[in-house]
Amino acid sequence: MQARNRGRERGMSMRAMWTISALCLLVGTADAQEPTTINPDQVGRYQIMTNANDTFLVDTATGFVWVLTQYTDFNKDPLAWVPMFRLNRASDTTPLLSEFGLKPPTKR
């Protein structure tokens, strides 16, 4: 009976040794990979800017802007970057007109 238990212990220790060896091999090869190079043109591409009320993320390459928004309707009030609507052409005002309409003319 003792010989059988020793065989199981030896089998377990061999399995553990093989598992540890495989993990070391994986970690060693992952560490040996070439580091990624950073394109100097991309450094500083995204800028975070703030004013008294809002925080903005600006992509300086494309001009796209996101505003940091807190969603208070969700648990823990998460924050997310929300793209800002941008007018590039006069025709881009059509969605604004359909959603908000025009103000009535002011009396002078």
N, C-alpha and C. Protein backbone atom coordinates (compact mmCIF):
# COMPACT_ATOMS: atom_id res chain seq x y z
N MET A 1 0.82 -1.18 0.00
CA MET A 1 0.00 0.00 0.00
C MET A 1 0.87 1.26 0.00
N GLN A 2 1.97 1.23 0.75
CA GLN A 2 2.85 2.38 0.78
C GLN A 2 3.49 2.62 -0.58
N ALA A 3 3.81 1.55 -1.30
CA ALA A 3 4.42 1.68 -2.61
C ALA A 3 3.45 2.36 -3.58
N ARG A 4 2.16 2.02 -3.46
CA ARG A 4 1.14 2.64 -4.33
C ARG A 4 1.03 4.14 -4.05
N ASN A 5 1.02 4.54 -2.78
CA ASN A 5 0.95 5.95 -2.42
C ASN A 5 2.18 6.71 -2.90
N ARG A 6 3.36 6.06 -2.80
CA ARG A 6 4.58 6.71 -3.27
C ARG A 6 4.51 6.94 -4.79
N GLY A 7 3.94 5.98 -5.51
CA GLY A 7 3.78 6.12 -6.96
C GLY A 7 2.87 7.28 -7.30
N ARG A 8 1.79 7.43 -6.55
CA ARG A 8 0.88 8.56 -6.78
C ARG A 8 1.58 9.88 -6.47
N GLU A 9 2.31 9.93 -5.35
CA GLU A 9 3.03 11.15 -4.99
C GLU A 9 4.05 11.50 -6.05
N ARG A 10 4.76 10.46 -6.55
CA ARG A 10 5.76 10.71 -7.59
C ARG A 10 5.08 11.19 -8.88
N GLY A 11 3.93 10.60 -9.21
CA GLY A 11 3.19 11.02 -10.40
C GLY A 11 2.71 12.46 -10.27
N MET A 12 2.25 12.84 -9.08
CA MET A 12 1.80 14.21 -8.85
C MET A 12 2.97 15.18 -8.94
N SER A 13 4.11 14.79 -8.38
CA SER A 13 5.24 15.71 -8.42
C SER A 13 5.77 15.85 -9.84
N MET A 14 5.73 14.78 -10.65
CA MET A 14 6.15 14.87 -12.05
C MET A 14 5.20 15.76 -12.83
N ARG A 15 3.90 15.63 -12.58
CA ARG A 15 2.91 16.46 -13.26
C ARG A 15 3.13 17.93 -12.89
N ALA A 16 3.37 18.19 -11.62
CA ALA A 16 3.62 19.56 -11.18
C ALA A 16 4.90 20.11 -11.82
N MET A 17 5.94 19.26 -11.92
CA MET A 17 7.19 19.69 -12.52
C MET A 17 6.98 20.04 -13.99
N TRP A 18 6.24 19.21 -14.74
CA TRP A 18 5.97 19.48 -16.15
C TRP A 18 5.14 20.76 -16.32
N THR A 19 4.17 20.96 -15.43
CA THR A 19 3.34 22.16 -15.51
C THR A 19 4.18 23.40 -15.28
N ILE A 20 5.02 23.39 -14.26
CA ILE A 20 5.88 24.52 -13.97
C ILE A 20 6.86 24.78 -15.11
N SER A 21 7.40 23.71 -15.69
CA SER A 21 8.33 23.85 -16.82
C SER A 21 7.65 24.50 -18.01
N ALA A 22 6.41 24.06 -18.30
CA ALA A 22 5.68 24.63 -19.43
C ALA A 22 5.39 26.11 -19.19
N LEU A 23 5.00 26.48 -17.97
CA LEU A 23 4.73 27.87 -17.65
C LEU A 23 5.99 28.73 -17.79
N CYS A 24 7.12 28.21 -17.32
CA CYS A 24 8.39 28.95 -17.45
C CYS A 24 8.74 29.15 -18.92
N LEU A 25 8.50 28.14 -19.74
CA LEU A 25 8.79 28.26 -21.17
C LEU A 25 7.90 29.32 -21.81
N LEU A 26 6.61 29.33 -21.45
CA LEU A 26 5.70 30.33 -22.00
C LEU A 26 6.09 31.74 -21.58
N VAL A 27 6.40 31.91 -20.30
CA VAL A 27 6.77 33.23 -19.81
C VAL A 27 8.09 33.68 -20.43
N GLY A 28 9.03 32.78 -20.58
CA GLY A 28 10.32 33.11 -21.17
C GLY A 28 10.21 33.54 -22.61
N THR A 29 9.36 32.85 -23.40
CA THR A 29 9.22 33.23 -24.80
C THR A 29 8.42 34.52 -24.94
N ALA A 30 7.46 34.75 -24.07
CA ALA A 30 6.69 36.00 -24.13
C ALA A 30 7.59 37.19 -23.79
N ASP A 31 8.48 37.00 -22.83
CA ASP A 31 9.38 38.07 -22.43
C ASP A 31 10.43 38.36 -23.50
N ALA A 32 10.75 37.36 -24.33
CA ALA A 32 11.80 37.52 -25.33
C ALA A 32 11.31 38.18 -26.61
N GLN A 33 10.02 38.46 -26.72
CA GLN A 33 9.50 39.09 -27.92
C GLN A 33 10.02 40.52 -28.05
N GLU A 34 10.13 40.96 -29.29
CA GLU A 34 10.61 42.31 -29.56
C GLU A 34 9.62 43.34 -29.03
N PRO A 35 10.11 44.40 -28.42
CA PRO A 35 9.19 45.45 -27.96
C PRO A 35 8.62 46.20 -29.15
N THR A 36 7.40 46.68 -29.00
CA THR A 36 6.79 47.45 -30.08
C THR A 36 7.40 48.84 -30.10
N THR A 37 7.57 49.36 -31.29
CA THR A 37 8.13 50.70 -31.41
C THR A 37 7.00 51.71 -31.48
N ILE A 38 7.24 52.86 -30.92
CA ILE A 38 6.26 53.93 -30.90
C ILE A 38 6.59 54.91 -32.02
N ASN A 39 5.61 55.18 -32.84
CA ASN A 39 5.79 56.13 -33.93
C ASN A 39 5.86 57.53 -33.33
N PRO A 40 6.96 58.26 -33.54
CA PRO A 40 7.07 59.60 -32.94
C PRO A 40 5.97 60.55 -33.39
N ASP A 41 5.38 60.29 -34.57
CA ASP A 41 4.30 61.16 -35.04
C ASP A 41 3.04 60.98 -34.21
N GLN A 42 2.91 59.84 -33.52
CA GLN A 42 1.71 59.54 -32.76
C GLN A 42 1.82 59.98 -31.29
N VAL A 43 3.01 60.31 -30.82
CA VAL A 43 3.18 60.73 -29.44
C VAL A 43 2.47 62.07 -29.24
N GLY A 44 1.61 62.13 -28.27
CA GLY A 44 0.88 63.36 -28.00
C GLY A 44 -0.32 63.56 -28.90
N ARG A 45 -0.69 62.52 -29.65
CA ARG A 45 -1.82 62.65 -30.57
C ARG A 45 -3.11 62.96 -29.82
N TYR A 46 -3.34 62.29 -28.71
CA TYR A 46 -4.55 62.51 -27.93
C TYR A 46 -4.24 63.44 -26.77
N GLN A 47 -5.02 64.48 -26.62
CA GLN A 47 -4.83 65.46 -25.56
C GLN A 47 -6.11 65.55 -24.74
N ILE A 48 -5.96 65.64 -23.44
CA ILE A 48 -7.12 65.84 -22.56
C ILE A 48 -7.11 67.29 -22.12
N MET A 49 -8.24 67.94 -22.34
CA MET A 49 -8.38 69.35 -22.00
C MET A 49 -9.60 69.52 -21.11
N THR A 50 -9.54 70.50 -20.22
CA THR A 50 -10.66 70.73 -19.31
C THR A 50 -11.01 72.21 -19.29
N ASN A 51 -12.25 72.46 -18.92
CA ASN A 51 -12.66 73.82 -18.59
C ASN A 51 -13.39 73.73 -17.26
N ALA A 52 -14.11 74.73 -16.86
CA ALA A 52 -14.76 74.73 -15.55
C ALA A 52 -15.84 73.66 -15.44
N ASN A 53 -16.41 73.22 -16.57
CA ASN A 53 -17.54 72.30 -16.51
C ASN A 53 -17.27 70.92 -17.09
N ASP A 54 -16.41 70.80 -18.09
CA ASP A 54 -16.26 69.55 -18.83
C ASP A 54 -14.81 69.14 -19.02
N THR A 55 -14.63 67.85 -19.36
CA THR A 55 -13.33 67.31 -19.72
C THR A 55 -13.44 66.76 -21.13
N PHE A 56 -12.49 67.10 -21.99
CA PHE A 56 -12.53 66.71 -23.39
C PHE A 56 -11.31 65.88 -23.75
N LEU A 57 -11.51 64.92 -24.64
CA LEU A 57 -10.42 64.15 -25.24
C LEU A 57 -10.37 64.55 -26.70
N VAL A 58 -9.22 65.09 -27.14
CA VAL A 58 -9.09 65.61 -28.50
C VAL A 58 -8.07 64.76 -29.25
N ASP A 59 -8.48 64.26 -30.42
CA ASP A 59 -7.57 63.57 -31.34
C ASP A 59 -6.99 64.65 -32.24
N THR A 60 -5.75 65.02 -32.03
CA THR A 60 -5.16 66.13 -32.76
C THR A 60 -4.88 65.79 -34.22
N ALA A 61 -4.92 64.51 -34.58
CA ALA A 61 -4.70 64.13 -35.98
C ALA A 61 -5.97 64.27 -36.80
N THR A 62 -7.13 63.93 -36.22
CA THR A 62 -8.38 63.96 -36.98
C THR A 62 -9.30 65.10 -36.59
N GLY A 63 -9.08 65.66 -35.41
CA GLY A 63 -9.95 66.73 -34.93
C GLY A 63 -11.18 66.23 -34.20
N PHE A 64 -11.34 64.91 -34.08
CA PHE A 64 -12.49 64.38 -33.35
C PHE A 64 -12.35 64.70 -31.87
N VAL A 65 -13.49 64.94 -31.23
CA VAL A 65 -13.51 65.32 -29.81
C VAL A 65 -14.54 64.46 -29.09
N TRP A 66 -14.19 64.02 -27.90
CA TRP A 66 -15.10 63.29 -27.03
C TRP A 66 -15.22 64.06 -25.73
N VAL A 67 -16.37 64.01 -25.10
CA VAL A 67 -16.57 64.67 -23.81
C VAL A 67 -16.78 63.57 -22.77
N LEU A 68 -16.14 63.72 -21.62
CA LEU A 68 -16.28 62.76 -20.53
C LEU A 68 -17.64 62.96 -19.88
N THR A 69 -18.45 61.92 -19.90
CA THR A 69 -19.83 62.02 -19.44
C THR A 69 -20.07 61.00 -18.33
N GLN A 70 -20.75 61.43 -17.29
CA GLN A 70 -21.11 60.52 -16.20
C GLN A 70 -22.56 60.08 -16.39
N TYR A 71 -22.77 58.77 -16.38
CA TYR A 71 -24.10 58.20 -16.55
C TYR A 71 -24.70 57.90 -15.18
N THR A 72 -25.49 58.83 -14.69
CA THR A 72 -26.05 58.70 -13.34
C THR A 72 -27.24 57.75 -13.28
N ASP A 73 -27.75 57.31 -14.43
CA ASP A 73 -28.86 56.35 -14.44
C ASP A 73 -28.39 54.93 -14.15
N PHE A 74 -27.08 54.69 -14.22
CA PHE A 74 -26.52 53.36 -14.00
C PHE A 74 -25.95 53.25 -12.59
N ASN A 75 -25.84 52.02 -12.10
CA ASN A 75 -25.21 51.78 -10.80
C ASN A 75 -23.77 52.25 -10.85
N LYS A 76 -23.31 52.82 -9.79
CA LYS A 76 -21.94 53.32 -9.60
C LYS A 76 -21.60 54.51 -10.49
N ASP A 77 -22.57 55.09 -11.17
CA ASP A 77 -22.38 56.30 -11.97
C ASP A 77 -21.12 56.25 -12.84
N PRO A 78 -21.06 55.32 -13.81
CA PRO A 78 -19.83 55.17 -14.61
C PRO A 78 -19.57 56.38 -15.51
N LEU A 79 -18.30 56.56 -15.85
CA LEU A 79 -17.87 57.61 -16.78
C LEU A 79 -17.55 56.98 -18.13
N ALA A 80 -17.82 57.71 -19.20
CA ALA A 80 -17.49 57.23 -20.55
C ALA A 80 -17.21 58.42 -21.46
N TRP A 81 -16.36 58.20 -22.44
CA TRP A 81 -16.08 59.22 -23.45
C TRP A 81 -17.17 59.14 -24.50
N VAL A 82 -17.87 60.25 -24.73
CA VAL A 82 -18.96 60.32 -25.69
C VAL A 82 -18.53 61.24 -26.83
N PRO A 83 -18.63 60.75 -28.10
CA PRO A 83 -18.23 61.60 -29.22
C PRO A 83 -19.11 62.84 -29.31
N MET A 84 -18.49 63.96 -29.60
CA MET A 84 -19.24 65.21 -29.77
C MET A 84 -19.67 65.33 -31.22
N PHE A 85 -20.86 65.86 -31.41
CA PHE A 85 -21.38 66.10 -32.75
C PHE A 85 -20.57 67.23 -33.38
N ARG A 86 -20.20 67.04 -34.63
CA ARG A 86 -19.34 68.01 -35.30
C ARG A 86 -19.95 68.41 -36.63
N LEU A 87 -20.01 69.69 -36.90
CA LEU A 87 -20.53 70.20 -38.16
C LEU A 87 -19.37 70.42 -39.13
N ASN A 88 -19.30 69.63 -40.19
CA ASN A 88 -18.25 69.79 -41.20
C ASN A 88 -18.77 70.54 -42.42
N ARG A 89 -20.07 70.43 -42.68
CA ARG A 89 -20.69 71.06 -43.86
C ARG A 89 -22.03 71.64 -43.44
N ALA A 90 -22.58 72.48 -44.27
CA ALA A 90 -23.88 73.07 -43.98
C ALA A 90 -24.96 72.00 -43.90
N SER A 91 -24.83 70.93 -44.68
CA SER A 91 -25.83 69.86 -44.66
C SER A 91 -25.83 69.09 -43.34
N ASP A 92 -24.78 69.23 -42.54
CA ASP A 92 -24.73 68.55 -41.25
C ASP A 92 -25.73 69.14 -40.25
N THR A 93 -26.30 70.30 -40.57
CA THR A 93 -27.28 70.89 -39.66
C THR A 93 -28.65 70.23 -39.77
N THR A 94 -28.88 69.41 -40.79
CA THR A 94 -30.18 68.75 -40.98
C THR A 94 -30.56 67.89 -39.77
N PRO A 95 -29.66 67.06 -39.23
CA PRO A 95 -30.05 66.29 -38.04
C PRO A 95 -30.39 67.19 -36.84
N LEU A 96 -29.68 68.30 -36.72
CA LEU A 96 -29.98 69.23 -35.63
C LEU A 96 -31.36 69.84 -35.80
N LEU A 97 -31.67 70.22 -37.02
CA LEU A 97 -32.97 70.82 -37.30
C LEU A 97 -34.10 69.84 -37.03
N SER A 98 -33.93 68.58 -37.44
CA SER A 98 -34.98 67.59 -37.22
C SER A 98 -35.13 67.23 -35.75
N GLU A 99 -34.05 67.26 -34.99
CA GLU A 99 -34.14 66.90 -33.58
C GLU A 99 -34.60 68.05 -32.69
N PHE A 100 -34.10 69.27 -32.95
CA PHE A 100 -34.38 70.39 -32.06
C PHE A 100 -35.33 71.43 -32.64
N GLY A 101 -35.42 71.53 -33.96
CA GLY A 101 -36.25 72.55 -34.57
C GLY A 101 -35.61 73.93 -34.43
N LEU A 102 -36.26 74.93 -35.01
CA LEU A 102 -35.76 76.30 -34.94
C LEU A 102 -36.49 77.08 -33.86
N LYS A 103 -35.79 78.03 -33.27
CA LYS A 103 -36.43 78.92 -32.30
C LYS A 103 -37.36 79.87 -33.03
N PRO A 104 -38.42 80.29 -32.38
CA PRO A 104 -39.27 81.27 -33.04
C PRO A 104 -38.53 82.60 -33.14
N PRO A 105 -38.86 83.42 -34.15
CA PRO A 105 -38.15 84.70 -34.29
C PRO A 105 -38.41 85.60 -33.08
N THR A 106 -37.39 86.34 -32.70
CA THR A 106 -37.52 87.24 -31.56
C THR A 106 -38.16 88.54 -32.01
N LYS A 107 -38.97 89.13 -31.14
CA LYS A 107 -39.63 90.42 -31.44
C LYS A 107 -38.67 91.54 -31.08
N ARG A 108 -38.61 92.55 -31.91
CA ARG A 108 -37.73 93.69 -31.65
C ARG A 108 -38.49 94.90 -31.35
